[in-house]
């Protein structure tokens, strides 16, 4: 069993621009409107880098920026993950390679590497802490969460007490739309720590994770609520949207103080995540 504390959440999706907004929508789903994310995302990158950065990386940085003070965040371990990489940039490079002279833009090539999100984060925050860049297809969020927990709890981790985890995907370019289950942009970020060194009132909950073999399917409600319907809609619109299963449980725990558990798919197994309240001291 691996454990950590969740102290903050960042989110950017249609109609959702903060953790507080997500909580409000879960309380009153009838007021939700899937307003597209602004075309212009306010950056905190230097001007030169902002001109070069791709859209999908801007989504990641915007979600991560919601997690708190940059001075603190730059000291955290970092995990950035896309389900299949920067598909738009990959498509642009592939088209250029098929043209006479193969006019591949150096900037496009720079943005095509899987760790470009982590690289731009280090530039924006002047962070020199270790980062990991992952991709796991439909299981990307589960892979990233497990990796974050492993890194925090590793016996050789002596200096990093927090981990910044960012999962994000954009709408792919037209040739890839039939192949990927992504209809809307989505980015979320979690701030995890080994202990709640911040005031307990600012710690959302404690997470405990186990990997389990898949057993009989757990019973589900035959009468989905308005919240269930809304979550299903968002989850089905982006690979990373499955994060909302966990985030909705966190929001409910914050509301009633009751422990909960969530099961997320993890290839041929699954992750069982127990959420426990943190006592305010």
C-alpha atoms as a PDB file:
ATOM      1  CA  UNK A   1       0.000   0.000   0.000  1.00  0.00           C
ATOM      2  CA  UNK A   2       1.270   3.467  -0.936  1.00  0.00           C
ATOM      3  CA  UNK A   3      -0.006   6.640   0.686  1.00  0.00           C
ATOM      4  CA  UNK A   4       0.248  10.400   0.250  1.00  0.00           C
ATOM      5  CA  UNK A   5      -1.724  13.535   1.025  1.00  0.00           C
ATOM      6  CA  UNK A   6      -3.581  15.511  -1.612  1.00  0.00           C
ATOM      7  CA  UNK A   7      -3.242  19.195  -0.826  1.00  0.00           C
ATOM      8  CA  UNK A   8      -4.482  20.920  -3.974  1.00  0.00           C
ATOM      9  CA  UNK A   9      -6.049  20.364  -7.389  1.00  0.00           C
ATOM     10  CA  UNK A  10      -5.841  22.304 -10.629  1.00  0.00           C
ATOM     11  CA  UNK A  11      -8.196  21.720 -13.541  1.00  0.00           C
ATOM     12  CA  UNK A  12      -8.851  23.180 -16.968  1.00  0.00           C
ATOM     13  CA  UNK A  13     -11.662  21.779 -19.102  1.00  0.00           C
ATOM     14  CA  UNK A  14     -14.773  23.051 -20.884  1.00  0.00           C
ATOM     15  CA  UNK A  15     -16.792  24.885 -18.238  1.00  0.00           C
ATOM     16  CA  UNK A  16     -14.225  24.109 -15.535  1.00  0.00           C
ATOM     17  CA  UNK A  17     -11.381  26.518 -14.805  1.00  0.00           C
ATOM     18  CA  UNK A  18     -10.548  25.755 -11.160  1.00  0.00           C
ATOM     19  CA  UNK A  19     -11.012  23.246  -8.353  1.00  0.00           C
ATOM     20  CA  UNK A  20     -13.607  25.522  -6.756  1.00  0.00           C
ATOM     21  CA  UNK A  21     -15.598  25.655  -9.980  1.00  0.00           C
ATOM     22  CA  UNK A  22     -15.580  21.842 -10.195  1.00  0.00           C
ATOM     23  CA  UNK A  23     -16.893  21.620  -6.623  1.00  0.00           C
ATOM     24  CA  UNK A  24     -19.693  24.065  -7.491  1.00  0.00           C
ATOM     25  CA  UNK A  25     -20.639  22.077 -10.603  1.00  0.00           C
ATOM     26  CA  UNK A  26     -20.762  18.814  -8.644  1.00  0.00           C
ATOM     27  CA  UNK A  27     -23.109  20.464  -6.155  1.00  0.00           C
ATOM     28  CA  UNK A  28     -25.327  21.972  -8.858  1.00  0.00           C
ATOM     29  CA  UNK A  29     -24.801  20.024 -12.096  1.00  0.00           C
ATOM     30  CA  UNK A  30     -27.829  21.664 -13.673  1.00  0.00           C
ATOM     31  CA  UNK A  31     -25.829  24.924 -13.849  1.00  0.00           C
ATOM     32  CA  UNK A  32     -22.950  23.389 -15.799  1.00  0.00           C
ATOM     33  CA  UNK A  33     -22.233  24.729 -19.264  1.00  0.00           C
ATOM     34  CA  UNK A  34     -19.484  23.202 -21.374  1.00  0.00           C
ATOM     35  CA  UNK A  35     -17.965  26.539 -22.344  1.00  0.00           C
ATOM     36  CA  UNK A  36     -14.871  25.959 -24.486  1.00  0.00           C
ATOM     37  CA  UNK A  37     -11.517  26.802 -22.950  1.00  0.00           C
ATOM     38  CA  UNK A  38     -10.292  30.255 -23.940  1.00  0.00           C
ATOM     39  CA  UNK A  39      -8.221  30.258 -27.097  1.00  0.00           C
ATOM     40  CA  UNK A  40      -5.741  32.573 -25.402  1.00  0.00           C
ATOM     41  CA  UNK A  41      -4.356  31.002 -22.233  1.00  0.00           C
ATOM     42  CA  UNK A  42      -2.530  33.493 -20.041  1.00  0.00           C
ATOM     43  CA  UNK A  43       1.026  32.180 -19.734  1.00  0.00           C
ATOM     44  CA  UNK A  44       3.685  32.669 -17.107  1.00  0.00           C
ATOM     45  CA  UNK A  45       6.488  31.883 -19.520  1.00  0.00           C
ATOM     46  CA  UNK A  46       9.085  34.353 -20.782  1.00  0.00           C
ATOM     47  CA  UNK A  47       7.970  36.007 -24.035  1.00  0.00           C
ATOM     48  CA  UNK A  48      10.285  33.988 -26.304  1.00  0.00           C
ATOM     49  CA  UNK A  49       9.126  30.646 -24.920  1.00  0.00           C
ATOM     50  CA  UNK A  50       5.486  31.688 -25.022  1.00  0.00           C
ATOM     51  CA  UNK A  51       5.763  32.311 -28.755  1.00  0.00           C
ATOM     52  CA  UNK A  52       7.132  28.805 -29.260  1.00  0.00           C
ATOM     53  CA  UNK A  53       5.077  26.715 -26.850  1.00  0.00           C
ATOM     54  CA  UNK A  54       2.338  24.405 -28.169  1.00  0.00           C
ATOM     55  CA  UNK A  55      -1.302  24.568 -27.174  1.00  0.00           C
ATOM     56  CA  UNK A  56      -1.285  21.283 -25.283  1.00  0.00           C
ATOM     57  CA  UNK A  57       1.678  22.397 -23.145  1.00  0.00           C
ATOM     58  CA  UNK A  58      -0.100  25.658 -22.329  1.00  0.00           C
ATOM     59  CA  UNK A  59      -3.016  23.568 -21.015  1.00  0.00           C
ATOM     60  CA  UNK A  60      -0.640  21.671 -18.733  1.00  0.00           C
ATOM     61  CA  UNK A  61       1.063  24.798 -17.414  1.00  0.00           C
ATOM     62  CA  UNK A  62      -2.259  26.530 -16.754  1.00  0.00           C
ATOM     63  CA  UNK A  63      -3.528  23.598 -14.663  1.00  0.00           C
ATOM     64  CA  UNK A  64      -0.237  23.263 -12.779  1.00  0.00           C
ATOM     65  CA  UNK A  65      -0.128  26.978 -12.015  1.00  0.00           C
ATOM     66  CA  UNK A  66      -3.354  26.635  -9.996  1.00  0.00           C
ATOM     67  CA  UNK A  67      -1.608  24.440  -7.411  1.00  0.00           C
ATOM     68  CA  UNK A  68      -0.042  27.229  -5.393  1.00  0.00           C
ATOM     69  CA  UNK A  69       3.048  29.309  -4.914  1.00  0.00           C
ATOM     70  CA  UNK A  70       5.674  28.818  -7.614  1.00  0.00           C
ATOM     71  CA  UNK A  71       8.487  29.129  -5.061  1.00  0.00           C
ATOM     72  CA  UNK A  72       7.158  26.008  -3.331  1.00  0.00           C
ATOM     73  CA  UNK A  73       6.158  24.147  -6.491  1.00  0.00           C
ATOM     74  CA  UNK A  74       9.613  24.376  -8.046  1.00  0.00           C
ATOM     75  CA  UNK A  75      10.949  22.157  -5.247  1.00  0.00           C
ATOM     76  CA  UNK A  76       8.495  19.332  -5.989  1.00  0.00           C
ATOM     77  CA  UNK A  77       9.062  16.208  -8.050  1.00  0.00           C
ATOM     78  CA  UNK A  78       7.283  16.534 -11.387  1.00  0.00           C
ATOM     79  CA  UNK A  79       5.279  14.101 -13.487  1.00  0.00           C
ATOM     80  CA  UNK A  80       3.842  15.282 -16.807  1.00  0.00           C
ATOM     81  CA  UNK A  81       1.776  12.878 -18.893  1.00  0.00           C
ATOM     82  CA  UNK A  82      -0.086  12.839 -22.185  1.00  0.00           C
ATOM     83  CA  UNK A  83      -1.901   9.759 -23.401  1.00  0.00           C
ATOM     84  CA  UNK A  84      -0.257   9.740 -26.849  1.00  0.00           C
ATOM     85  CA  UNK A  85       2.020  12.782 -26.953  1.00  0.00           C
ATOM     86  CA  UNK A  86       1.586  16.112 -28.747  1.00  0.00           C
ATOM     87  CA  UNK A  87      -0.459  14.750 -31.630  1.00  0.00           C
ATOM     88  CA  UNK A  88      -0.951  18.107 -33.371  1.00  0.00           C
ATOM     89  CA  UNK A  89       2.776  18.779 -33.520  1.00  0.00           C
ATOM     90  CA  UNK A  90       3.425  15.207 -34.653  1.00  0.00           C
ATOM     91  CA  UNK A  91       0.895  15.661 -37.470  1.00  0.00           C
ATOM     92  CA  UNK A  92       2.489  18.951 -38.559  1.00  0.00           C
ATOM     93  CA  UNK A  93       5.960  17.388 -38.656  1.00  0.00           C
ATOM     94  CA  UNK A  94       4.691  14.345 -40.569  1.00  0.00           C
ATOM     95  CA  UNK A  95       3.085  16.588 -43.193  1.00  0.00           C
ATOM     96  CA  UNK A  96       6.291  18.610 -43.518  1.00  0.00           C
ATOM     97  CA  UNK A  97       8.309  15.425 -44.062  1.00  0.00           C
ATOM     98  CA  UNK A  98       6.034  14.545 -46.977  1.00  0.00           C
ATOM     99  CA  UNK A  99       6.687  17.897 -48.691  1.00  0.00           C
ATOM    100  CA  UNK A 100       9.543  18.702 -51.100  1.00  0.00           C
ATOM    101  CA  UNK A 101      12.643  19.634 -49.148  1.00  0.00           C
ATOM    102  CA  UNK A 102      11.125  18.308 -45.896  1.00  0.00           C
ATOM    103  CA  UNK A 103      10.779  21.746 -44.272  1.00  0.00           C
ATOM    104  CA  UNK A 104      10.501  20.605 -40.641  1.00  0.00           C
ATOM    105  CA  UNK A 105      10.428  23.551 -38.235  1.00  0.00           C
ATOM    106  CA  UNK A 106      13.093  23.283 -35.504  1.00  0.00           C
ATOM    107  CA  UNK A 107      10.568  24.667 -33.040  1.00  0.00           C
ATOM    108  CA  UNK A 108       8.026  22.015 -34.006  1.00  0.00           C
ATOM    109  CA  UNK A 109      10.669  19.331 -33.564  1.00  0.00           C
ATOM    110  CA  UNK A 110      11.560  20.807 -30.167  1.00  0.00           C
ATOM    111  CA  UNK A 111       7.891  20.662 -29.102  1.00  0.00           C
ATOM    112  CA  UNK A 112       7.399  17.118 -30.376  1.00  0.00           C
ATOM    113  CA  UNK A 113       9.440  15.423 -27.656  1.00  0.00           C
ATOM    114  CA  UNK A 114       7.358  13.852 -24.924  1.00  0.00           C
ATOM    115  CA  UNK A 115       8.995  15.831 -22.109  1.00  0.00           C
ATOM    116  CA  UNK A 116       8.408  19.293 -23.599  1.00  0.00           C
ATOM    117  CA  UNK A 117       5.763  20.028 -20.946  1.00  0.00           C
ATOM    118  CA  UNK A 118       8.231  19.307 -18.161  1.00  0.00           C
ATOM    119  CA  UNK A 119      10.857  21.361 -19.975  1.00  0.00           C
ATOM    120  CA  UNK A 120       8.663  24.434 -20.281  1.00  0.00           C
ATOM    121  CA  UNK A 121       7.646  24.064 -16.617  1.00  0.00           C
ATOM    122  CA  UNK A 122      11.296  24.098 -15.576  1.00  0.00           C
ATOM    123  CA  UNK A 123      11.841  27.247 -17.656  1.00  0.00           C
ATOM    124  CA  UNK A 124       8.754  28.965 -16.232  1.00  0.00           C
ATOM    125  CA  UNK A 125       9.574  28.161 -12.601  1.00  0.00           C
ATOM    126  CA  UNK A 126      13.368  27.836 -12.727  1.00  0.00           C
ATOM    127  CA  UNK A 127      12.935  24.336 -11.315  1.00  0.00           C
ATOM    128  CA  UNK A 128      15.870  21.938 -11.265  1.00  0.00           C
ATOM    129  CA  UNK A 129      14.139  19.043  -9.521  1.00  0.00           C
ATOM    130  CA  UNK A 130      13.729  15.662 -11.277  1.00  0.00           C
ATOM    131  CA  UNK A 131      10.856  15.232 -13.717  1.00  0.00           C
ATOM    132  CA  UNK A 132       9.248  12.228 -15.392  1.00  0.00           C
ATOM    133  CA  UNK A 133       7.233  12.321 -18.619  1.00  0.00           C
ATOM    134  CA  UNK A 134       4.804   9.462 -19.223  1.00  0.00           C
ATOM    135  CA  UNK A 135       2.294   8.142 -21.694  1.00  0.00           C
ATOM    136  CA  UNK A 136      -0.053   5.239 -21.081  1.00  0.00           C
ATOM    137  CA  UNK A 137      -2.870   5.516 -23.596  1.00  0.00           C
ATOM    138  CA  UNK A 138      -6.253   5.075 -21.933  1.00  0.00           C
ATOM    139  CA  UNK A 139      -4.557   4.287 -18.604  1.00  0.00           C
ATOM    140  CA  UNK A 140      -2.389   7.424 -18.495  1.00  0.00           C
ATOM    141  CA  UNK A 141      -3.967   8.975 -15.406  1.00  0.00           C
ATOM    142  CA  UNK A 142      -3.681   5.738 -13.422  1.00  0.00           C
ATOM    143  CA  UNK A 143      -0.082   5.234 -14.562  1.00  0.00           C
ATOM    144  CA  UNK A 144       0.826   8.780 -13.533  1.00  0.00           C
ATOM    145  CA  UNK A 145      -0.843   8.579 -10.137  1.00  0.00           C
ATOM    146  CA  UNK A 146       0.853   5.296  -9.328  1.00  0.00           C
ATOM    147  CA  UNK A 147       4.225   6.641 -10.442  1.00  0.00           C
ATOM    148  CA  UNK A 148       3.789   9.741  -8.287  1.00  0.00           C
ATOM    149  CA  UNK A 149       3.017   7.609  -5.245  1.00  0.00           C
ATOM    150  CA  UNK A 150       5.977   5.309  -5.916  1.00  0.00           C
ATOM    151  CA  UNK A 151       8.409   8.200  -6.300  1.00  0.00           C
ATOM    152  CA  UNK A 152       7.225   9.906  -3.117  1.00  0.00           C
ATOM    153  CA  UNK A 153       7.417   6.692  -1.092  1.00  0.00           C
ATOM    154  CA  UNK A 154      10.700   5.428  -2.567  1.00  0.00           C
ATOM    155  CA  UNK A 155      13.303   4.539   0.047  1.00  0.00           C
ATOM    156  CA  UNK A 156      15.937   6.628  -1.765  1.00  0.00           C
ATOM    157  CA  UNK A 157      13.768   9.744  -1.841  1.00  0.00           C
ATOM    158  CA  UNK A 158      15.397  11.711   0.941  1.00  0.00           C
ATOM    159  CA  UNK A 159      14.893  15.287  -0.208  1.00  0.00           C
ATOM    160  CA  UNK A 160      11.570  15.693  -2.059  1.00  0.00           C
ATOM    161  CA  UNK A 161       8.436  15.702   0.083  1.00  0.00           C
ATOM    162  CA  UNK A 162       6.009  16.815  -2.625  1.00  0.00           C
ATOM    163  CA  UNK A 163       5.110  15.750  -6.151  1.00  0.00           C
ATOM    164  CA  UNK A 164       3.423  17.775  -8.866  1.00  0.00           C
ATOM    165  CA  UNK A 165       1.398  15.522 -11.185  1.00  0.00           C
ATOM    166  CA  UNK A 166      -0.050  16.940 -14.414  1.00  0.00           C
ATOM    167  CA  UNK A 167      -2.174  14.982 -16.917  1.00  0.00           C
ATOM    168  CA  UNK A 168      -3.346  16.669 -20.107  1.00  0.00           C
ATOM    169  CA  UNK A 169      -4.534  16.108 -23.672  1.00  0.00           C
ATOM    170  CA  UNK A 170      -5.767  18.355 -26.466  1.00  0.00           C
ATOM    171  CA  UNK A 171      -8.177  17.678 -29.311  1.00  0.00           C
ATOM    172  CA  UNK A 172      -6.113  15.818 -31.953  1.00  0.00           C
ATOM    173  CA  UNK A 173      -5.862  16.983 -35.542  1.00  0.00           C
ATOM    174  CA  UNK A 174      -8.398  15.620 -38.023  1.00  0.00           C
ATOM    175  CA  UNK A 175      -6.543  12.476 -39.229  1.00  0.00           C
ATOM    176  CA  UNK A 176      -6.341  11.175 -35.652  1.00  0.00           C
ATOM    177  CA  UNK A 177      -9.880  11.942 -34.510  1.00  0.00           C
ATOM    178  CA  UNK A 178     -11.253   8.488 -35.453  1.00  0.00           C
ATOM    179  CA  UNK A 179      -8.410   6.789 -33.561  1.00  0.00           C
ATOM    180  CA  UNK A 180      -8.450   8.642 -30.236  1.00  0.00           C
ATOM    181  CA  UNK A 181     -11.265   9.058 -27.718  1.00  0.00           C
ATOM    182  CA  UNK A 182     -10.679  12.798 -27.314  1.00  0.00           C
ATOM    183  CA  UNK A 183     -13.380  15.327 -28.170  1.00  0.00           C
ATOM    184  CA  UNK A 184     -12.507  18.169 -25.776  1.00  0.00           C
ATOM    185  CA  UNK A 185      -9.404  19.647 -24.176  1.00  0.00           C
ATOM    186  CA  UNK A 186      -8.660  18.625 -20.605  1.00  0.00           C
ATOM    187  CA  UNK A 187      -5.863  19.169 -18.099  1.00  0.00           C
ATOM    188  CA  UNK A 188      -5.670  18.425 -14.397  1.00  0.00           C
ATOM    189  CA  UNK A 189      -2.924  18.735 -11.820  1.00  0.00           C
ATOM    190  CA  UNK A 190      -2.531  17.215  -8.357  1.00  0.00           C
ATOM    191  CA  UNK A 191      -0.245  18.384  -5.570  1.00  0.00           C
ATOM    192  CA  UNK A 192       0.740  15.368  -3.491  1.00  0.00           C
ATOM    193  CA  UNK A 193       2.898  15.238  -0.366  1.00  0.00           C
ATOM    194  CA  UNK A 194       4.249  12.643   2.025  1.00  0.00           C
ATOM    195  CA  UNK A 195       2.813  14.532   4.970  1.00  0.00           C
ATOM    196  CA  UNK A 196       0.494  17.449   5.482  1.00  0.00           C
ATOM    197  CA  UNK A 197       3.119  20.007   6.396  1.00  0.00           C
ATOM    198  CA  UNK A 198       0.733  22.713   5.304  1.00  0.00           C
ATOM    199  CA  UNK A 199      -2.123  23.541   7.716  1.00  0.00           C
ATOM    200  CA  UNK A 200      -4.485  20.571   7.856  1.00  0.00           C
ATOM    201  CA  UNK A 201      -7.327  22.808   6.687  1.00  0.00           C
ATOM    202  CA  UNK A 202      -5.486  23.087   3.341  1.00  0.00           C
ATOM    203  CA  UNK A 203      -5.063  19.317   2.921  1.00  0.00           C
ATOM    204  CA  UNK A 204      -7.958  17.826   0.987  1.00  0.00           C
ATOM    205  CA  UNK A 205      -7.528  14.189   2.012  1.00  0.00           C
ATOM    206  CA  UNK A 206      -5.182  11.251   2.439  1.00  0.00           C
ATOM    207  CA  UNK A 207      -4.870   8.778  -0.444  1.00  0.00           C
ATOM    208  CA  UNK A 208      -3.990   5.110  -0.022  1.00  0.00           C
ATOM    209  CA  UNK A 209      -3.433   3.062  -3.192  1.00  0.00           C
ATOM    210  CA  UNK A 210      -3.252  -0.655  -3.872  1.00  0.00           C
ATOM    211  CA  UNK A 211      -2.894  -2.537  -7.145  1.00  0.00           C
ATOM    212  CA  UNK A 212      -5.409  -5.369  -7.346  1.00  0.00           C
ATOM    213  CA  UNK A 213      -6.360  -8.066  -9.809  1.00  0.00           C
ATOM    214  CA  UNK A 214      -9.711  -7.499 -11.418  1.00  0.00           C
ATOM    215  CA  UNK A 215     -12.454  -9.436  -9.681  1.00  0.00           C
ATOM    216  CA  UNK A 216     -16.213  -9.465 -10.249  1.00  0.00           C
ATOM    217  CA  UNK A 217     -17.512  -6.125 -11.459  1.00  0.00           C
ATOM    218  CA  UNK A 218     -18.687  -4.007  -8.572  1.00  0.00           C
ATOM    219  CA  UNK A 219     -22.392  -3.124  -8.579  1.00  0.00           C
ATOM    220  CA  UNK A 220     -23.336   0.298  -9.883  1.00  0.00           C
ATOM    221  CA  UNK A 221     -26.450   2.350  -9.394  1.00  0.00           C
ATOM    222  CA  UNK A 222     -29.216   1.538 -11.870  1.00  0.00           C
ATOM    223  CA  UNK A 223     -30.478   5.103 -11.529  1.00  0.00           C
ATOM    224  CA  UNK A 224     -27.589   7.446 -12.418  1.00  0.00           C
ATOM    225  CA  UNK A 225     -27.811  10.876 -10.863  1.00  0.00           C
ATOM    226  CA  UNK A 226     -27.355  14.158 -12.713  1.00  0.00           C
ATOM    227  CA  UNK A 227     -23.780  14.259 -11.405  1.00  0.00           C
ATOM    228  CA  UNK A 228     -23.122  10.715 -12.678  1.00  0.00           C
ATOM    229  CA  UNK A 229     -24.397  11.685 -16.117  1.00  0.00           C
ATOM    230  CA  UNK A 230     -22.258  14.829 -16.176  1.00  0.00           C
ATOM    231  CA  UNK A 231     -19.118  13.004 -15.080  1.00  0.00           C
ATOM    232  CA  UNK A 232     -19.662  10.300 -17.702  1.00  0.00           C
ATOM    233  CA  UNK A 233     -20.019  12.957 -20.395  1.00  0.00           C
ATOM    234  CA  UNK A 234     -16.752  14.663 -19.457  1.00  0.00           C
ATOM    235  CA  UNK A 235     -14.875  11.396 -18.899  1.00  0.00           C
ATOM    236  CA  UNK A 236     -15.896  10.181 -22.353  1.00  0.00           C
ATOM    237  CA  UNK A 237     -14.692  13.413 -23.954  1.00  0.00           C
ATOM    238  CA  UNK A 238     -11.008  13.062 -23.029  1.00  0.00           C
ATOM    239  CA  UNK A 239      -8.675  10.252 -22.005  1.00  0.00           C
ATOM    240  CA  UNK A 240      -7.547  12.178 -18.930  1.00  0.00           C
ATOM    241  CA  UNK A 241     -11.142  12.886 -17.892  1.00  0.00           C
ATOM    242  CA  UNK A 242     -11.185   9.698 -15.815  1.00  0.00           C
ATOM    243  CA  UNK A 243      -9.445  11.825 -13.205  1.00  0.00           C
ATOM    244  CA  UNK A 244     -12.906  13.159 -12.375  1.00  0.00           C
ATOM    245  CA  UNK A 245     -13.839   9.857 -10.730  1.00  0.00           C
ATOM    246  CA  UNK A 246     -11.189  10.578  -8.122  1.00  0.00           C
ATOM    247  CA  UNK A 247     -11.780  14.329  -7.945  1.00  0.00           C
ATOM    248  CA  UNK A 248     -15.538  13.918  -7.482  1.00  0.00           C
ATOM    249  CA  UNK A 249     -14.887  11.557  -4.556  1.00  0.00           C
ATOM    250  CA  UNK A 250     -12.496  14.115  -3.043  1.00  0.00           C
ATOM    251  CA  UNK A 251     -15.146  16.821  -3.355  1.00  0.00           C
ATOM    252  CA  UNK A 252     -17.764  14.620  -1.672  1.00  0.00           C
ATOM    253  CA  UNK A 253     -15.376  13.777   1.158  1.00  0.00           C
ATOM    254  CA  UNK A 254     -14.746  17.487   1.643  1.00  0.00           C
ATOM    255  CA  UNK A 255     -18.488  18.047   1.840  1.00  0.00           C
ATOM    256  CA  UNK A 256     -19.469  15.335   4.339  1.00  0.00           C
ATOM    257  CA  UNK A 257     -16.172  14.225   5.905  1.00  0.00           C
ATOM    258  CA  UNK A 258     -16.803  10.543   5.070  1.00  0.00           C
ATOM    259  CA  UNK A 259     -14.062   8.214   3.818  1.00  0.00           C
ATOM    260  CA  UNK A 260     -14.525   6.813   0.330  1.00  0.00           C
ATOM    261  CA  UNK A 261     -12.835   4.592  -2.208  1.00  0.00           C
ATOM    262  CA  UNK A 262     -12.469   4.751  -5.968  1.00  0.00           C
ATOM    263  CA  UNK A 263     -11.440   2.059  -8.436  1.00  0.00           C
ATOM    264  CA  UNK A 264      -9.544   3.123 -11.562  1.00  0.00           C
ATOM    265  CA  UNK A 265      -8.549   0.858 -14.471  1.00  0.00           C
ATOM    266  CA  UNK A 266      -4.879  -0.102 -14.692  1.00  0.00           C
ATOM    267  CA  UNK A 267      -4.355  -2.319 -17.752  1.00  0.00           C
ATOM    268  CA  UNK A 268      -5.283  -5.920 -16.754  1.00  0.00           C
ATOM    269  CA  UNK A 269      -5.568  -4.841 -13.103  1.00  0.00           C
ATOM    270  CA  UNK A 270      -6.987  -1.859 -11.296  1.00  0.00           C
ATOM    271  CA  UNK A 271      -6.032   0.688  -8.668  1.00  0.00           C
ATOM    272  CA  UNK A 272      -8.099   0.771  -5.517  1.00  0.00           C
ATOM    273  CA  UNK A 273      -7.774   4.216  -3.963  1.00  0.00           C
ATOM    274  CA  UNK A 274      -8.980   4.859  -0.433  1.00  0.00           C
ATOM    275  CA  UNK A 275      -9.695   8.474   0.453  1.00  0.00           C
ATOM    276  CA  UNK A 276      -9.543   9.396   4.127  1.00  0.00           C
ATOM    277  CA  UNK A 277     -10.319  12.721   5.797  1.00  0.00           C
ATOM    278  CA  UNK A 278      -7.546  14.656   7.503  1.00  0.00           C
ATOM    279  CA  UNK A 279      -8.241  15.917  11.009  1.00  0.00           C
ATOM    280  CA  UNK A 280      -7.916  19.681  11.336  1.00  0.00           C
ATOM    281  CA  UNK A 281      -5.500  20.490  14.140  1.00  0.00           C
END
